[in-house]
């Protein structure tokens, strides 16, 4: 494959032309040029960029963070340290989310246990539900 048009790139990578245009507008993807009739043309590197974008999103990175990494690479530098920092930040955020979810689960389990043993006939009309 030397160059492909946007529809062909979308088909090869399992994405949509709308997404590819969005990525172009966001600075994540650049066509190599345009045909005489104005169609975008993409080279082999576009597939690698789209694969990187997909893997970055799967790791929970934002498109802005992914663009930062791509910008470093486009300047001819290896972005590995920057990626390490982003992943470190992501890990810390995930750990905090997990801790919050564990705390929430404990609370919901306690409420559930109290509700399971309760008698609905003993709920007063002045309360919506005494278990919440």
N, C-alpha and C. Protein backbone atom coordinates (compact mmCIF):
# COMPACT_ATOMS: atom_id res chain seq x y z
N UNK A 1 0.85 -1.18 0.00
CA UNK A 1 0.00 0.00 0.00
C UNK A 1 0.89 1.24 0.00
N UNK A 2 0.76 2.07 -0.99
CA UNK A 2 1.51 3.32 -1.00
C UNK A 2 0.68 4.42 -0.36
N UNK A 3 -0.40 4.81 -1.00
CA UNK A 3 -1.33 5.75 -0.38
C UNK A 3 -2.75 5.26 -0.61
N UNK A 4 -3.61 5.63 0.31
CA UNK A 4 -5.02 5.27 0.20
C UNK A 4 -5.87 6.48 0.49
N UNK A 5 -7.08 6.44 0.00
CA UNK A 5 -8.01 7.52 0.31
C UNK A 5 -8.67 7.24 1.65
N UNK A 6 -9.37 8.22 2.16
CA UNK A 6 -9.91 8.17 3.51
C UNK A 6 -10.84 6.97 3.72
N UNK A 7 -11.67 6.66 2.75
CA UNK A 7 -12.58 5.52 2.88
C UNK A 7 -11.83 4.21 2.96
N UNK A 8 -10.78 4.09 2.18
CA UNK A 8 -9.97 2.87 2.20
C UNK A 8 -9.24 2.74 3.54
N UNK A 9 -8.72 3.85 4.05
CA UNK A 9 -8.04 3.82 5.35
C UNK A 9 -9.03 3.42 6.45
N UNK A 10 -10.23 3.96 6.39
CA UNK A 10 -11.25 3.61 7.38
C UNK A 10 -11.54 2.11 7.33
N UNK A 11 -11.67 1.57 6.14
CA UNK A 11 -11.97 0.14 5.99
C UNK A 11 -10.82 -0.72 6.51
N UNK A 12 -9.59 -0.34 6.18
CA UNK A 12 -8.42 -1.12 6.59
C UNK A 12 -8.24 -1.11 8.11
N UNK A 13 -8.57 -0.01 8.75
CA UNK A 13 -8.32 0.14 10.18
C UNK A 13 -9.55 -0.10 11.05
N UNK A 14 -10.68 -0.35 10.43
CA UNK A 14 -11.90 -0.61 11.21
C UNK A 14 -12.44 0.60 11.92
N UNK A 15 -12.26 1.76 11.32
CA UNK A 15 -12.80 2.99 11.89
C UNK A 15 -13.73 3.63 10.88
N UNK A 16 -14.19 4.82 11.16
CA UNK A 16 -15.08 5.50 10.22
C UNK A 16 -14.39 6.72 9.63
N UNK A 17 -14.89 7.15 8.49
CA UNK A 17 -14.33 8.36 7.88
C UNK A 17 -14.60 9.57 8.77
N UNK A 18 -15.72 9.56 9.47
CA UNK A 18 -16.03 10.66 10.39
C UNK A 18 -14.97 10.75 11.49
N UNK A 19 -14.59 9.60 12.04
CA UNK A 19 -13.55 9.58 13.07
C UNK A 19 -12.22 10.06 12.50
N UNK A 20 -11.88 9.62 11.31
CA UNK A 20 -10.62 10.04 10.70
C UNK A 20 -10.60 11.55 10.47
N UNK A 21 -11.71 12.11 10.04
CA UNK A 21 -11.76 13.57 9.87
C UNK A 21 -11.63 14.28 11.21
N UNK A 22 -12.27 13.72 12.24
CA UNK A 22 -12.15 14.29 13.59
C UNK A 22 -10.70 14.24 14.05
N UNK A 23 -10.04 13.11 13.86
CA UNK A 23 -8.63 12.99 14.24
C UNK A 23 -7.77 13.99 13.46
N UNK A 24 -8.09 14.20 12.22
CA UNK A 24 -7.34 15.19 11.44
C UNK A 24 -7.57 16.59 12.00
N UNK A 25 -8.82 16.92 12.27
CA UNK A 25 -9.13 18.24 12.84
C UNK A 25 -8.49 18.43 14.21
N UNK A 26 -8.29 17.34 14.95
CA UNK A 26 -7.70 17.38 16.29
C UNK A 26 -6.18 17.36 16.27
N UNK A 27 -5.58 17.22 15.09
CA UNK A 27 -4.13 17.21 14.99
C UNK A 27 -3.50 15.86 15.27
N UNK A 28 -4.29 14.81 15.28
CA UNK A 28 -3.77 13.47 15.55
C UNK A 28 -3.32 12.74 14.28
N UNK A 29 -3.89 13.13 13.17
CA UNK A 29 -3.65 12.43 11.91
C UNK A 29 -3.53 13.46 10.81
N UNK A 30 -2.57 13.24 9.93
CA UNK A 30 -2.38 14.16 8.81
C UNK A 30 -2.33 13.39 7.50
N UNK A 31 -3.12 13.81 6.52
CA UNK A 31 -2.99 13.16 5.22
C UNK A 31 -1.67 13.57 4.59
N UNK A 32 -1.13 12.70 3.74
CA UNK A 32 0.11 13.04 3.03
C UNK A 32 -0.16 14.09 1.97
N UNK A 33 -1.37 14.13 1.51
CA UNK A 33 -1.73 15.09 0.49
C UNK A 33 -3.16 14.87 0.04
N UNK A 34 -3.46 15.41 -1.12
CA UNK A 34 -4.80 15.25 -1.69
C UNK A 34 -4.66 14.90 -3.16
N UNK A 35 -5.66 14.19 -3.63
CA UNK A 35 -5.68 13.87 -5.06
C UNK A 35 -6.06 15.12 -5.83
N UNK A 36 -5.98 15.04 -7.15
CA UNK A 36 -6.37 16.17 -7.99
C UNK A 36 -7.83 16.55 -7.78
N UNK A 37 -8.63 15.58 -7.36
CA UNK A 37 -10.05 15.85 -7.12
C UNK A 37 -10.34 16.21 -5.66
N UNK A 38 -9.30 16.32 -4.83
CA UNK A 38 -9.46 16.80 -3.47
C UNK A 38 -9.60 15.74 -2.40
N UNK A 39 -9.51 14.47 -2.77
CA UNK A 39 -9.61 13.41 -1.76
C UNK A 39 -8.33 13.34 -0.93
N UNK A 40 -8.50 13.12 0.36
CA UNK A 40 -7.35 12.95 1.24
C UNK A 40 -6.61 11.66 0.87
N UNK A 41 -5.28 11.71 0.96
CA UNK A 41 -4.46 10.52 0.73
C UNK A 41 -3.60 10.29 1.96
N UNK A 42 -3.61 9.04 2.42
CA UNK A 42 -2.86 8.67 3.62
C UNK A 42 -1.83 7.61 3.27
N UNK A 43 -0.69 7.67 3.93
CA UNK A 43 0.37 6.69 3.73
C UNK A 43 0.33 5.61 4.79
N UNK A 44 1.29 4.71 4.71
CA UNK A 44 1.38 3.57 5.63
C UNK A 44 1.49 4.02 7.08
N UNK A 45 2.12 5.16 7.33
CA UNK A 45 2.28 5.62 8.72
C UNK A 45 0.95 5.95 9.37
N UNK A 46 -0.08 6.22 8.59
CA UNK A 46 -1.39 6.52 9.16
C UNK A 46 -1.96 5.31 9.90
N UNK A 47 -1.70 4.13 9.39
CA UNK A 47 -2.17 2.92 10.05
C UNK A 47 -1.51 2.77 11.41
N UNK A 48 -0.20 3.01 11.46
CA UNK A 48 0.52 2.91 12.74
C UNK A 48 0.02 3.96 13.72
N UNK A 49 -0.25 5.17 13.25
CA UNK A 49 -0.76 6.22 14.13
C UNK A 49 -2.13 5.84 14.68
N UNK A 50 -2.99 5.32 13.82
CA UNK A 50 -4.32 4.93 14.26
C UNK A 50 -4.26 3.78 15.26
N UNK A 51 -3.33 2.86 15.05
CA UNK A 51 -3.14 1.78 16.00
C UNK A 51 -2.67 2.33 17.35
N UNK A 52 -1.75 3.30 17.31
CA UNK A 52 -1.27 3.92 18.55
C UNK A 52 -2.41 4.66 19.25
N UNK A 53 -3.21 5.38 18.50
CA UNK A 53 -4.35 6.10 19.09
C UNK A 53 -5.29 5.11 19.76
N UNK A 54 -5.59 4.01 19.10
CA UNK A 54 -6.48 3.00 19.65
C UNK A 54 -5.90 2.41 20.95
N UNK A 55 -4.61 2.11 20.95
CA UNK A 55 -3.99 1.55 22.15
C UNK A 55 -3.94 2.57 23.28
N UNK A 56 -3.69 3.83 22.94
CA UNK A 56 -3.69 4.88 23.95
C UNK A 56 -5.06 5.06 24.58
N UNK A 57 -6.10 5.03 23.75
CA UNK A 57 -7.46 5.15 24.27
C UNK A 57 -7.81 3.95 25.15
N UNK A 58 -7.36 2.76 24.73
CA UNK A 58 -7.62 1.55 25.52
C UNK A 58 -6.95 1.63 26.89
N UNK A 59 -5.84 2.35 26.98
CA UNK A 59 -5.15 2.54 28.26
C UNK A 59 -5.76 3.68 29.07
N UNK A 60 -6.75 4.34 28.50
CA UNK A 60 -7.44 5.41 29.22
C UNK A 60 -6.85 6.79 29.03
N UNK A 61 -5.94 6.94 28.06
CA UNK A 61 -5.38 8.26 27.80
C UNK A 61 -6.40 9.10 27.03
N UNK A 62 -6.35 10.39 27.26
CA UNK A 62 -7.22 11.30 26.53
C UNK A 62 -6.62 11.56 25.15
N UNK A 63 -7.43 12.06 24.25
CA UNK A 63 -6.91 12.40 22.92
C UNK A 63 -5.87 13.51 23.02
N UNK A 64 -6.02 14.42 23.97
CA UNK A 64 -5.03 15.48 24.16
C UNK A 64 -3.69 14.88 24.58
N UNK A 65 -3.72 13.90 25.48
CA UNK A 65 -2.48 13.26 25.90
C UNK A 65 -1.84 12.47 24.75
N UNK A 66 -2.67 11.81 23.98
CA UNK A 66 -2.17 11.07 22.82
C UNK A 66 -1.53 12.03 21.82
N UNK A 67 -2.16 13.18 21.62
CA UNK A 67 -1.61 14.19 20.71
C UNK A 67 -0.25 14.67 21.21
N UNK A 68 -0.10 14.85 22.52
CA UNK A 68 1.20 15.25 23.08
C UNK A 68 2.28 14.24 22.71
N UNK A 69 1.96 12.96 22.87
CA UNK A 69 2.93 11.90 22.56
C UNK A 69 3.27 11.93 21.08
N UNK A 70 2.25 12.05 20.24
CA UNK A 70 2.49 12.09 18.80
C UNK A 70 3.32 13.32 18.40
N UNK A 71 3.07 14.44 19.07
CA UNK A 71 3.85 15.66 18.79
C UNK A 71 5.32 15.46 19.12
N UNK A 72 5.59 14.79 20.24
CA UNK A 72 6.99 14.51 20.61
C UNK A 72 7.63 13.64 19.53
N UNK A 73 6.92 12.59 19.10
CA UNK A 73 7.44 11.70 18.07
C UNK A 73 7.64 12.46 16.75
N UNK A 74 6.69 13.33 16.42
CA UNK A 74 6.79 14.09 15.16
C UNK A 74 7.97 15.06 15.17
N UNK A 75 8.43 15.43 16.35
CA UNK A 75 9.61 16.30 16.47
C UNK A 75 10.90 15.49 16.40
N UNK A 76 10.76 14.17 16.20
CA UNK A 76 11.93 13.33 16.04
C UNK A 76 12.51 12.78 17.33
N UNK A 77 11.77 12.96 18.43
CA UNK A 77 12.26 12.46 19.72
C UNK A 77 11.43 11.25 20.14
N UNK A 78 12.03 10.38 20.90
CA UNK A 78 11.31 9.22 21.45
C UNK A 78 10.44 9.70 22.61
N UNK A 79 9.18 9.38 22.59
CA UNK A 79 8.27 9.86 23.64
C UNK A 79 8.14 8.91 24.84
N UNK A 80 9.03 7.96 24.97
CA UNK A 80 8.88 6.91 25.99
C UNK A 80 8.77 7.46 27.41
N UNK A 81 9.60 8.42 27.78
CA UNK A 81 9.54 8.98 29.14
C UNK A 81 8.21 9.69 29.36
N UNK A 82 7.75 10.40 28.34
CA UNK A 82 6.47 11.10 28.44
C UNK A 82 5.34 10.08 28.62
N UNK A 83 5.39 8.99 27.87
CA UNK A 83 4.38 7.94 27.99
C UNK A 83 4.45 7.32 29.39
N UNK A 84 5.64 7.09 29.89
CA UNK A 84 5.79 6.54 31.24
C UNK A 84 5.12 7.45 32.27
N UNK A 85 5.35 8.76 32.15
CA UNK A 85 4.73 9.72 33.08
C UNK A 85 3.21 9.70 32.96
N UNK A 86 2.70 9.63 31.74
CA UNK A 86 1.25 9.59 31.54
C UNK A 86 0.66 8.32 32.14
N UNK A 87 1.33 7.19 31.94
CA UNK A 87 0.84 5.93 32.47
C UNK A 87 0.92 5.90 34.00
N UNK A 88 1.95 6.52 34.56
CA UNK A 88 2.07 6.62 36.01
C UNK A 88 0.89 7.41 36.58
N UNK A 89 0.57 8.52 35.96
CA UNK A 89 -0.57 9.34 36.38
C UNK A 89 -1.87 8.55 36.24
N UNK A 90 -2.00 7.82 35.15
CA UNK A 90 -3.20 7.02 34.91
C UNK A 90 -3.34 5.92 35.97
N UNK A 91 -2.23 5.27 36.31
CA UNK A 91 -2.27 4.23 37.34
C UNK A 91 -2.71 4.78 38.69
N UNK A 92 -2.18 5.96 39.05
CA UNK A 92 -2.57 6.57 40.32
C UNK A 92 -4.06 6.91 40.32
N UNK A 93 -4.57 7.41 39.20
CA UNK A 93 -5.99 7.74 39.10
C UNK A 93 -6.84 6.47 39.19
N UNK A 94 -6.40 5.40 38.54
CA UNK A 94 -7.13 4.14 38.63
C UNK A 94 -7.14 3.59 40.05
N UNK A 95 -6.00 3.67 40.73
CA UNK A 95 -5.94 3.20 42.11
C UNK A 95 -6.91 3.98 42.99
N UNK A 96 -7.00 5.29 42.78
CA UNK A 96 -7.93 6.11 43.56
C UNK A 96 -9.38 5.73 43.24
N UNK A 97 -9.67 5.50 41.96
CA UNK A 97 -11.02 5.10 41.57
C UNK A 97 -11.38 3.75 42.19
N UNK A 98 -10.46 2.82 42.17
CA UNK A 98 -10.70 1.50 42.75
C UNK A 98 -10.97 1.62 44.24
N UNK A 99 -10.20 2.43 44.93
CA UNK A 99 -10.42 2.64 46.38
C UNK A 99 -11.80 3.24 46.63
N UNK A 100 -12.18 4.23 45.82
CA UNK A 100 -13.50 4.85 45.96
C UNK A 100 -14.61 3.83 45.70
N UNK A 101 -14.43 3.00 44.69
CA UNK A 101 -15.43 1.99 44.37
C UNK A 101 -15.53 0.93 45.46
N UNK A 102 -14.40 0.56 46.05
CA UNK A 102 -14.43 -0.41 47.14
C UNK A 102 -15.19 0.15 48.34
N UNK A 103 -14.95 1.43 48.62
CA UNK A 103 -15.67 2.08 49.72
C UNK A 103 -17.16 2.15 49.42
N UNK A 104 -17.51 2.50 48.19
CA UNK A 104 -18.91 2.56 47.79
C UNK A 104 -19.56 1.18 47.87
N UNK A 105 -18.84 0.16 47.46
CA UNK A 105 -19.38 -1.20 47.52
C UNK A 105 -19.69 -1.61 48.95
N UNK A 106 -18.80 -1.26 49.87
CA UNK A 106 -19.03 -1.58 51.28
C UNK A 106 -20.29 -0.90 51.77
N UNK A 107 -20.47 0.36 51.42
CA UNK A 107 -21.66 1.12 51.84
C UNK A 107 -22.92 0.49 51.26
N UNK A 108 -22.91 0.19 49.98
CA UNK A 108 -24.09 -0.39 49.32
C UNK A 108 -24.39 -1.77 49.89
N UNK A 109 -23.37 -2.56 50.18
CA UNK A 109 -23.58 -3.89 50.76
C UNK A 109 -24.23 -3.78 52.13
N UNK A 110 -23.81 -2.80 52.93
CA UNK A 110 -24.41 -2.61 54.25
C UNK A 110 -25.87 -2.19 54.11
N UNK A 111 -26.16 -1.30 53.19
CA UNK A 111 -27.55 -0.87 52.96
C UNK A 111 -28.39 -2.04 52.46
N UNK A 112 -27.82 -2.82 51.57
CA UNK A 112 -28.53 -3.98 51.02
C UNK A 112 -28.85 -5.00 52.13
N UNK A 113 -27.88 -5.26 52.98
CA UNK A 113 -28.10 -6.20 54.08
C UNK A 113 -29.22 -5.71 55.01
N UNK A 114 -29.22 -4.42 55.30
CA UNK A 114 -30.26 -3.87 56.16
C UNK A 114 -31.63 -3.95 55.47
N UNK A 115 -31.67 -3.68 54.18
CA UNK A 115 -32.93 -3.71 53.45
C UNK A 115 -33.46 -5.14 53.32
N UNK A 116 -32.57 -6.09 53.14
CA UNK A 116 -32.98 -7.48 52.95
C UNK A 116 -33.66 -8.03 54.20
N UNK A 117 -33.21 -7.61 55.33
CA UNK A 117 -33.81 -8.12 56.58
C UNK A 117 -34.98 -7.30 57.06
N UNK A 118 -35.32 -6.27 56.36
CA UNK A 118 -36.39 -5.38 56.83
C UNK A 118 -37.78 -5.86 56.45
N UNK A 119 -38.73 -5.25 57.10
CA UNK A 119 -40.15 -5.56 56.84
C UNK A 119 -40.79 -4.31 56.25
N UNK A 120 -41.23 -4.37 54.98
CA UNK A 120 -41.82 -3.19 54.35
C UNK A 120 -43.05 -2.67 55.09
N UNK A 121 -43.73 -3.53 55.82
CA UNK A 121 -44.94 -3.10 56.53
C UNK A 121 -44.61 -2.19 57.71
N UNK A 122 -43.33 -2.15 58.11
CA UNK A 122 -42.96 -1.31 59.24
C UNK A 122 -42.45 0.06 58.81
N UNK A 123 -42.43 0.31 57.51
CA UNK A 123 -41.99 1.63 57.01
C UNK A 123 -43.08 2.65 57.27
N UNK A 124 -42.70 3.75 57.88
CA UNK A 124 -43.67 4.80 58.14
C UNK A 124 -43.93 5.64 56.89
N UNK A 125 -45.09 6.20 56.79
CA UNK A 125 -45.48 7.02 55.64
C UNK A 125 -44.69 8.32 55.57
N UNK A 126 -44.07 8.72 56.68
CA UNK A 126 -43.30 9.96 56.70
C UNK A 126 -41.94 9.81 56.02
N UNK A 127 -41.53 8.58 55.71
CA UNK A 127 -40.25 8.31 55.05
C UNK A 127 -40.49 7.75 53.66
N UNK A 128 -39.61 8.08 52.76
CA UNK A 128 -39.65 7.44 51.44
C UNK A 128 -39.22 5.99 51.61
N UNK A 129 -38.04 5.80 52.18
CA UNK A 129 -37.53 4.46 52.50
C UNK A 129 -36.45 4.62 53.56
N UNK A 130 -36.58 3.91 54.65
CA UNK A 130 -35.64 4.08 55.75
C UNK A 130 -34.25 3.51 55.46
N UNK A 131 -34.10 2.77 54.40
CA UNK A 131 -32.81 2.14 54.09
C UNK A 131 -31.88 3.05 53.29
N UNK A 132 -32.39 4.15 52.84
CA UNK A 132 -31.56 5.13 52.13
C UNK A 132 -31.66 6.48 52.81
